[in-house]
Amino acid sequence: MDAFTFKLRTPLLTAGRSIMPLVRTGLMSVGLNYYSPGRKNSLHTHPGEDHAFIVLDGEVTFYDKEGNATALKKGAGIMLPEGWYYWFENSGRKPLALLRFSAWREGRKVARVETTGRTRGEDATEYEHVDGAPVEGQYWEMT
């Protein structure tokens, strides 16, 4: 297998959130998550997966299943071990850019489980955006 290079760049959005997969192997993936101000996700876990986030821009607050909050600003990160239930929100006034690293156990079948029982079988392998649209010709990128 050859080495991979990638660029920290993702389209700006009118609203919502996006996921920009950057690189992936059979054991690990790296992606760039982008969240508009106020945007959040729901309480969930990733069975068979350890993952970490590093704040590249903006502010984020992570919450565990008991509601305990961990606020992070640019340059800070968090490691979430397999089976850890959490959710997070963009708690700042500008867009949030998170670098996400994931490592999987062999044989993992479910990528995400929400407390409602909803599951997702696979991680994104293509750019995705939700509740907004990319702003044509404009990007967030690491400078």
N, C-alpha and C. Protein backbone atom coordinates (compact mmCIF):
# COMPACT_ATOMS: atom_id res chain seq x y z
N MET A 1 0.84 -1.18 0.00
CA MET A 1 0.00 0.00 0.00
C MET A 1 0.88 1.24 0.00
N ASP A 2 0.50 2.22 -0.76
CA ASP A 2 1.24 3.47 -0.86
C ASP A 2 0.82 4.45 0.23
N ALA A 3 1.64 5.43 0.50
CA ALA A 3 1.32 6.51 1.43
C ALA A 3 0.25 7.41 0.81
N PHE A 4 -0.50 8.11 1.66
CA PHE A 4 -1.55 9.01 1.23
C PHE A 4 -1.21 10.43 1.62
N THR A 5 -1.57 11.39 0.79
CA THR A 5 -1.54 12.79 1.17
C THR A 5 -2.95 13.33 1.08
N PHE A 6 -3.24 14.37 1.82
CA PHE A 6 -4.57 14.97 1.78
C PHE A 6 -4.47 16.42 2.20
N LYS A 7 -5.51 17.18 1.84
CA LYS A 7 -5.58 18.60 2.15
C LYS A 7 -6.76 18.87 3.08
N LEU A 8 -6.56 19.71 4.07
CA LEU A 8 -7.62 20.07 5.01
C LEU A 8 -8.45 21.19 4.39
N ARG A 9 -9.47 20.77 3.62
CA ARG A 9 -10.32 21.71 2.90
C ARG A 9 -11.70 21.09 2.72
N THR A 10 -12.73 21.92 2.94
CA THR A 10 -14.11 21.47 2.76
C THR A 10 -14.97 22.68 2.35
N PRO A 11 -16.02 22.47 1.57
CA PRO A 11 -16.86 23.61 1.16
C PRO A 11 -17.51 24.32 2.36
N LEU A 12 -17.62 25.63 2.27
CA LEU A 12 -18.44 26.37 3.23
C LEU A 12 -19.89 26.01 2.98
N LEU A 13 -20.73 26.10 4.02
CA LEU A 13 -22.13 25.74 3.90
C LEU A 13 -23.03 26.93 4.24
N THR A 14 -24.23 26.93 3.66
CA THR A 14 -25.23 27.94 4.02
C THR A 14 -25.77 27.69 5.42
N ALA A 15 -25.79 26.43 5.86
CA ALA A 15 -26.25 26.00 7.18
C ALA A 15 -25.93 24.52 7.32
N GLY A 16 -26.21 23.94 8.47
CA GLY A 16 -26.09 22.50 8.65
C GLY A 16 -24.70 22.01 8.95
N ARG A 17 -24.42 20.83 8.42
CA ARG A 17 -23.14 20.17 8.70
C ARG A 17 -22.68 19.39 7.49
N SER A 18 -21.40 19.04 7.48
CA SER A 18 -20.88 18.20 6.41
C SER A 18 -19.78 17.29 6.94
N ILE A 19 -19.53 16.24 6.17
CA ILE A 19 -18.44 15.31 6.44
C ILE A 19 -17.63 15.19 5.16
N MET A 20 -16.33 15.44 5.26
CA MET A 20 -15.42 15.33 4.13
C MET A 20 -14.42 14.21 4.45
N PRO A 21 -14.66 12.99 3.94
CA PRO A 21 -13.66 11.93 4.13
C PRO A 21 -12.36 12.33 3.43
N LEU A 22 -11.24 12.16 4.12
CA LEU A 22 -9.95 12.58 3.56
C LEU A 22 -9.11 11.39 3.09
N VAL A 23 -8.93 10.39 3.97
CA VAL A 23 -8.18 9.18 3.62
C VAL A 23 -8.73 8.02 4.45
N ARG A 24 -8.49 6.79 3.93
CA ARG A 24 -8.97 5.61 4.64
C ARG A 24 -8.13 4.40 4.26
N THR A 25 -7.94 3.53 5.25
CA THR A 25 -7.35 2.22 5.02
C THR A 25 -8.32 1.19 5.60
N GLY A 26 -7.93 -0.04 5.65
CA GLY A 26 -8.79 -1.06 6.25
C GLY A 26 -8.90 -0.94 7.76
N LEU A 27 -8.00 -0.18 8.39
CA LEU A 27 -7.99 -0.04 9.85
C LEU A 27 -8.35 1.34 10.36
N MET A 28 -8.23 2.35 9.52
CA MET A 28 -8.33 3.73 10.01
C MET A 28 -8.88 4.66 8.94
N SER A 29 -9.52 5.74 9.41
CA SER A 29 -9.95 6.80 8.50
C SER A 29 -9.68 8.15 9.13
N VAL A 30 -9.55 9.16 8.26
CA VAL A 30 -9.39 10.55 8.69
C VAL A 30 -10.40 11.36 7.90
N GLY A 31 -11.14 12.21 8.60
CA GLY A 31 -12.13 13.04 7.93
C GLY A 31 -12.17 14.43 8.53
N LEU A 32 -12.81 15.33 7.81
CA LEU A 32 -12.98 16.72 8.23
C LEU A 32 -14.47 16.98 8.39
N ASN A 33 -14.91 17.22 9.62
CA ASN A 33 -16.32 17.52 9.89
C ASN A 33 -16.48 19.03 10.04
N TYR A 34 -17.55 19.56 9.45
CA TYR A 34 -17.81 21.00 9.44
C TYR A 34 -19.24 21.22 9.96
N TYR A 35 -19.39 22.07 10.97
CA TYR A 35 -20.69 22.35 11.59
C TYR A 35 -20.94 23.85 11.65
N SER A 36 -22.10 24.27 11.20
CA SER A 36 -22.51 25.67 11.31
C SER A 36 -22.76 26.03 12.77
N PRO A 37 -22.72 27.31 13.14
CA PRO A 37 -22.99 27.71 14.52
C PRO A 37 -24.33 27.17 15.00
N GLY A 38 -24.32 26.62 16.23
CA GLY A 38 -25.53 26.08 16.84
C GLY A 38 -25.87 24.66 16.44
N ARG A 39 -25.25 24.14 15.41
CA ARG A 39 -25.56 22.79 14.91
C ARG A 39 -25.04 21.74 15.90
N LYS A 40 -25.79 20.66 16.09
CA LYS A 40 -25.39 19.59 17.00
C LYS A 40 -25.81 18.25 16.42
N ASN A 41 -25.32 17.18 17.04
CA ASN A 41 -25.75 15.86 16.66
C ASN A 41 -26.45 15.19 17.85
N SER A 42 -26.81 13.93 17.74
CA SER A 42 -27.57 13.25 18.79
C SER A 42 -26.68 12.27 19.55
N LEU A 43 -27.15 11.87 20.73
CA LEU A 43 -26.42 10.93 21.57
C LEU A 43 -26.26 9.60 20.83
N HIS A 44 -25.00 9.14 20.73
CA HIS A 44 -24.71 7.93 19.98
C HIS A 44 -23.37 7.34 20.42
N THR A 45 -23.07 6.14 19.91
CA THR A 45 -21.80 5.48 20.13
C THR A 45 -21.36 4.81 18.83
N HIS A 46 -20.10 4.43 18.78
CA HIS A 46 -19.55 3.74 17.61
C HIS A 46 -18.97 2.40 18.08
N PRO A 47 -19.74 1.31 17.99
CA PRO A 47 -19.23 0.01 18.43
C PRO A 47 -18.01 -0.42 17.63
N GLY A 48 -17.02 -0.98 18.32
CA GLY A 48 -15.83 -1.48 17.64
C GLY A 48 -14.94 -0.39 17.08
N GLU A 49 -15.08 0.84 17.56
CA GLU A 49 -14.30 1.95 17.02
C GLU A 49 -13.81 2.88 18.13
N ASP A 50 -12.53 3.18 18.10
CA ASP A 50 -11.98 4.29 18.88
C ASP A 50 -11.87 5.46 17.91
N HIS A 51 -12.16 6.66 18.38
CA HIS A 51 -11.97 7.82 17.51
C HIS A 51 -11.63 9.05 18.31
N ALA A 52 -11.01 9.99 17.62
CA ALA A 52 -10.57 11.23 18.26
C ALA A 52 -10.92 12.41 17.36
N PHE A 53 -11.19 13.54 17.99
CA PHE A 53 -11.45 14.79 17.28
C PHE A 53 -10.42 15.82 17.72
N ILE A 54 -9.96 16.64 16.78
CA ILE A 54 -9.11 17.79 17.08
C ILE A 54 -9.80 19.01 16.49
N VAL A 55 -9.95 20.06 17.30
CA VAL A 55 -10.60 21.29 16.84
C VAL A 55 -9.59 22.09 16.02
N LEU A 56 -9.93 22.28 14.75
CA LEU A 56 -9.08 23.07 13.85
C LEU A 56 -9.51 24.53 13.82
N ASP A 57 -10.81 24.76 14.04
CA ASP A 57 -11.37 26.11 14.01
C ASP A 57 -12.69 26.10 14.76
N GLY A 58 -12.94 27.14 15.54
CA GLY A 58 -14.20 27.26 16.26
C GLY A 58 -14.13 26.68 17.66
N GLU A 59 -15.32 26.41 18.21
CA GLU A 59 -15.46 25.86 19.57
C GLU A 59 -16.51 24.76 19.55
N VAL A 60 -16.29 23.74 20.36
CA VAL A 60 -17.21 22.61 20.44
C VAL A 60 -17.39 22.22 21.89
N THR A 61 -18.57 21.74 22.23
CA THR A 61 -18.82 21.16 23.54
C THR A 61 -19.31 19.74 23.34
N PHE A 62 -18.58 18.79 23.93
CA PHE A 62 -18.96 17.37 23.92
C PHE A 62 -19.69 17.06 25.22
N TYR A 63 -20.70 16.19 25.14
CA TYR A 63 -21.47 15.76 26.29
C TYR A 63 -21.47 14.24 26.35
N ASP A 64 -21.30 13.68 27.56
CA ASP A 64 -21.42 12.24 27.71
C ASP A 64 -22.87 11.89 28.00
N LYS A 65 -23.17 10.60 28.21
CA LYS A 65 -24.57 10.19 28.39
C LYS A 65 -25.18 10.70 29.69
N GLU A 66 -24.35 11.13 30.64
CA GLU A 66 -24.86 11.74 31.87
C GLU A 66 -25.03 13.24 31.75
N GLY A 67 -24.63 13.82 30.63
CA GLY A 67 -24.76 15.26 30.42
C GLY A 67 -23.55 16.07 30.84
N ASN A 68 -22.48 15.41 31.24
CA ASN A 68 -21.25 16.12 31.60
C ASN A 68 -20.65 16.75 30.36
N ALA A 69 -20.27 18.01 30.47
CA ALA A 69 -19.78 18.78 29.31
C ALA A 69 -18.27 18.93 29.32
N THR A 70 -17.69 18.85 28.12
CA THR A 70 -16.28 19.13 27.91
C THR A 70 -16.17 20.11 26.75
N ALA A 71 -15.77 21.34 27.05
CA ALA A 71 -15.64 22.38 26.02
C ALA A 71 -14.22 22.40 25.50
N LEU A 72 -14.10 22.50 24.16
CA LEU A 72 -12.79 22.53 23.51
C LEU A 72 -12.71 23.68 22.53
N LYS A 73 -11.54 24.29 22.46
CA LYS A 73 -11.29 25.36 21.49
C LYS A 73 -10.18 24.92 20.55
N LYS A 74 -9.90 25.75 19.58
CA LYS A 74 -8.90 25.47 18.55
C LYS A 74 -7.62 24.93 19.16
N GLY A 75 -7.15 23.81 18.60
CA GLY A 75 -5.91 23.20 19.04
C GLY A 75 -6.08 22.13 20.09
N ALA A 76 -7.29 21.95 20.62
CA ALA A 76 -7.55 20.94 21.64
C ALA A 76 -8.24 19.73 21.00
N GLY A 77 -8.16 18.59 21.67
CA GLY A 77 -8.77 17.38 21.13
C GLY A 77 -9.37 16.51 22.21
N ILE A 78 -10.08 15.48 21.78
CA ILE A 78 -10.70 14.52 22.68
C ILE A 78 -10.62 13.14 22.06
N MET A 79 -10.30 12.13 22.89
CA MET A 79 -10.28 10.73 22.46
C MET A 79 -11.52 10.05 23.02
N LEU A 80 -12.27 9.39 22.15
CA LEU A 80 -13.49 8.70 22.55
C LEU A 80 -13.30 7.20 22.32
N PRO A 81 -13.20 6.43 23.41
CA PRO A 81 -12.96 4.99 23.26
C PRO A 81 -14.20 4.25 22.78
N GLU A 82 -13.97 3.06 22.29
CA GLU A 82 -15.04 2.19 21.82
C GLU A 82 -16.18 2.11 22.85
N GLY A 83 -17.41 2.26 22.38
CA GLY A 83 -18.57 2.14 23.24
C GLY A 83 -18.95 3.39 24.02
N TRP A 84 -18.19 4.47 23.90
CA TRP A 84 -18.47 5.71 24.63
C TRP A 84 -19.66 6.42 23.99
N TYR A 85 -20.70 6.71 24.77
CA TYR A 85 -21.85 7.46 24.27
C TYR A 85 -21.58 8.95 24.44
N TYR A 86 -21.84 9.71 23.38
CA TYR A 86 -21.60 11.14 23.41
C TYR A 86 -22.45 11.84 22.35
N TRP A 87 -22.52 13.15 22.49
CA TRP A 87 -23.02 14.03 21.43
C TRP A 87 -22.24 15.32 21.56
N PHE A 88 -22.28 16.15 20.52
CA PHE A 88 -21.58 17.42 20.61
C PHE A 88 -22.33 18.49 19.85
N GLU A 89 -21.98 19.75 20.16
CA GLU A 89 -22.57 20.89 19.45
C GLU A 89 -21.51 21.94 19.18
N ASN A 90 -21.72 22.68 18.09
CA ASN A 90 -20.90 23.84 17.82
C ASN A 90 -21.36 24.90 18.82
N SER A 91 -20.56 25.13 19.84
CA SER A 91 -20.93 26.05 20.90
C SER A 91 -20.33 27.44 20.71
N GLY A 92 -19.74 27.67 19.55
CA GLY A 92 -19.16 28.97 19.24
C GLY A 92 -20.04 29.79 18.32
N ARG A 93 -19.52 30.93 17.90
CA ARG A 93 -20.28 31.85 17.04
C ARG A 93 -19.89 31.76 15.57
N LYS A 94 -18.94 30.90 15.25
CA LYS A 94 -18.52 30.75 13.86
C LYS A 94 -18.49 29.26 13.52
N PRO A 95 -18.29 28.92 12.26
CA PRO A 95 -18.26 27.50 11.89
C PRO A 95 -17.19 26.73 12.67
N LEU A 96 -17.49 25.46 12.86
CA LEU A 96 -16.62 24.53 13.58
C LEU A 96 -16.01 23.57 12.58
N ALA A 97 -14.70 23.43 12.60
CA ALA A 97 -14.01 22.44 11.77
C ALA A 97 -13.30 21.46 12.71
N LEU A 98 -13.65 20.18 12.57
CA LEU A 98 -13.08 19.12 13.40
C LEU A 98 -12.36 18.11 12.52
N LEU A 99 -11.13 17.79 12.88
CA LEU A 99 -10.41 16.70 12.23
C LEU A 99 -10.75 15.44 13.02
N ARG A 100 -11.25 14.40 12.32
CA ARG A 100 -11.71 13.18 12.98
C ARG A 100 -10.84 12.00 12.54
N PHE A 101 -10.29 11.28 13.53
CA PHE A 101 -9.51 10.07 13.29
C PHE A 101 -10.30 8.88 13.85
N SER A 102 -10.41 7.80 13.09
CA SER A 102 -11.13 6.60 13.53
C SER A 102 -10.28 5.37 13.30
N ALA A 103 -10.33 4.44 14.25
CA ALA A 103 -9.68 3.14 14.11
C ALA A 103 -10.69 2.07 14.48
N TRP A 104 -10.76 0.99 13.68
CA TRP A 104 -11.81 -0.02 13.85
C TRP A 104 -11.26 -1.37 14.26
N ARG A 105 -12.10 -2.10 14.99
CA ARG A 105 -11.83 -3.50 15.27
C ARG A 105 -12.18 -4.31 14.02
N GLU A 106 -11.43 -5.34 13.76
CA GLU A 106 -11.73 -6.21 12.63
C GLU A 106 -13.11 -6.84 12.83
N GLY A 107 -13.90 -6.89 11.77
CA GLY A 107 -15.22 -7.51 11.84
C GLY A 107 -16.34 -6.59 12.30
N ARG A 108 -16.06 -5.32 12.52
CA ARG A 108 -17.09 -4.37 12.93
C ARG A 108 -18.19 -4.34 11.88
N LYS A 109 -19.46 -4.44 12.32
CA LYS A 109 -20.57 -4.49 11.37
C LYS A 109 -21.45 -3.23 11.40
N VAL A 110 -21.48 -2.54 12.53
CA VAL A 110 -22.30 -1.34 12.69
C VAL A 110 -21.39 -0.17 12.99
N ALA A 111 -21.55 0.93 12.25
CA ALA A 111 -20.68 2.09 12.43
C ALA A 111 -21.16 3.02 13.53
N ARG A 112 -22.49 3.07 13.75
CA ARG A 112 -23.03 4.03 14.71
C ARG A 112 -24.36 3.50 15.25
N VAL A 113 -24.57 3.71 16.57
CA VAL A 113 -25.83 3.33 17.22
C VAL A 113 -26.31 4.51 18.05
N GLU A 114 -27.54 4.96 17.78
CA GLU A 114 -28.14 6.04 18.56
C GLU A 114 -28.95 5.43 19.70
N THR A 115 -29.26 6.22 20.71
CA THR A 115 -30.03 5.71 21.85
C THR A 115 -31.45 5.34 21.45
N THR A 116 -31.92 5.82 20.31
CA THR A 116 -33.25 5.45 19.80
C THR A 116 -33.23 4.06 19.17
N GLY A 117 -32.02 3.48 19.00
CA GLY A 117 -31.89 2.19 18.35
C GLY A 117 -31.55 2.30 16.88
N ARG A 118 -31.64 3.49 16.32
CA ARG A 118 -31.28 3.70 14.91
C ARG A 118 -29.80 3.38 14.72
N THR A 119 -29.47 2.68 13.64
CA THR A 119 -28.09 2.32 13.36
C THR A 119 -27.68 2.79 11.97
N ARG A 120 -26.38 2.86 11.78
CA ARG A 120 -25.81 3.14 10.46
C ARG A 120 -24.73 2.09 10.23
N GLY A 121 -24.78 1.45 9.08
CA GLY A 121 -23.89 0.34 8.81
C GLY A 121 -22.49 0.71 8.36
N GLU A 122 -22.35 1.81 7.64
CA GLU A 122 -21.05 2.17 7.09
C GLU A 122 -20.73 3.64 7.34
N ASP A 123 -19.44 3.94 7.42
CA ASP A 123 -19.01 5.33 7.50
C ASP A 123 -19.03 5.95 6.12
N ALA A 124 -19.14 7.25 6.07
CA ALA A 124 -19.15 7.97 4.79
C ALA A 124 -17.83 7.76 4.06
N THR A 125 -17.92 7.51 2.77
CA THR A 125 -16.72 7.42 1.95
C THR A 125 -16.70 8.52 0.89
N GLU A 126 -17.78 9.28 0.80
CA GLU A 126 -17.89 10.42 -0.11
C GLU A 126 -18.33 11.64 0.69
N TYR A 127 -18.11 12.83 0.16
CA TYR A 127 -18.54 14.07 0.80
C TYR A 127 -20.05 14.05 1.02
N GLU A 128 -20.49 14.44 2.22
CA GLU A 128 -21.92 14.51 2.55
C GLU A 128 -22.21 15.85 3.21
N HIS A 129 -23.39 16.42 2.95
CA HIS A 129 -23.84 17.59 3.70
C HIS A 129 -25.32 17.42 4.02
N VAL A 130 -25.73 18.01 5.15
CA VAL A 130 -27.09 17.87 5.66
C VAL A 130 -27.60 19.23 6.12
N ASP A 131 -28.85 19.55 5.81
CA ASP A 131 -29.53 20.76 6.29
C ASP A 131 -28.89 22.06 5.83
N GLY A 132 -28.28 22.04 4.71
CA GLY A 132 -27.68 23.24 4.13
C GLY A 132 -27.13 22.87 2.77
N ALA A 133 -26.51 23.83 2.14
CA ALA A 133 -25.93 23.59 0.82
C ALA A 133 -24.53 24.18 0.76
N PRO A 134 -23.64 23.56 -0.02
CA PRO A 134 -22.31 24.15 -0.20
C PRO A 134 -22.41 25.51 -0.88
N VAL A 135 -21.58 26.44 -0.45
CA VAL A 135 -21.51 27.76 -1.08
C VAL A 135 -20.53 27.63 -2.24
N GLU A 136 -21.02 27.82 -3.44
CA GLU A 136 -20.21 27.60 -4.64
C GLU A 136 -18.92 28.42 -4.62
N GLY A 137 -17.80 27.70 -4.80
CA GLY A 137 -16.50 28.35 -4.92
C GLY A 137 -15.89 28.85 -3.62
N GLN A 138 -16.53 28.55 -2.45
CA GLN A 138 -15.99 29.01 -1.17
C GLN A 138 -15.70 27.81 -0.28
N TYR A 139 -14.56 27.85 0.41
CA TYR A 139 -14.10 26.71 1.20
C TYR A 139 -13.56 27.14 2.55
N TRP A 140 -13.70 26.24 3.52
CA TRP A 140 -12.92 26.35 4.74
C TRP A 140 -11.68 25.53 4.47
N GLU A 141 -10.51 26.09 4.79
CA GLU A 141 -9.29 25.31 4.67
C GLU A 141 -8.29 25.75 5.71
N MET A 142 -7.42 24.84 6.07
CA MET A 142 -6.38 25.10 7.06
C MET A 142 -5.36 26.03 6.45
N THR A 143 -5.14 27.17 7.09
CA THR A 143 -4.16 28.13 6.58
C THR A 143 -3.06 28.36 7.58
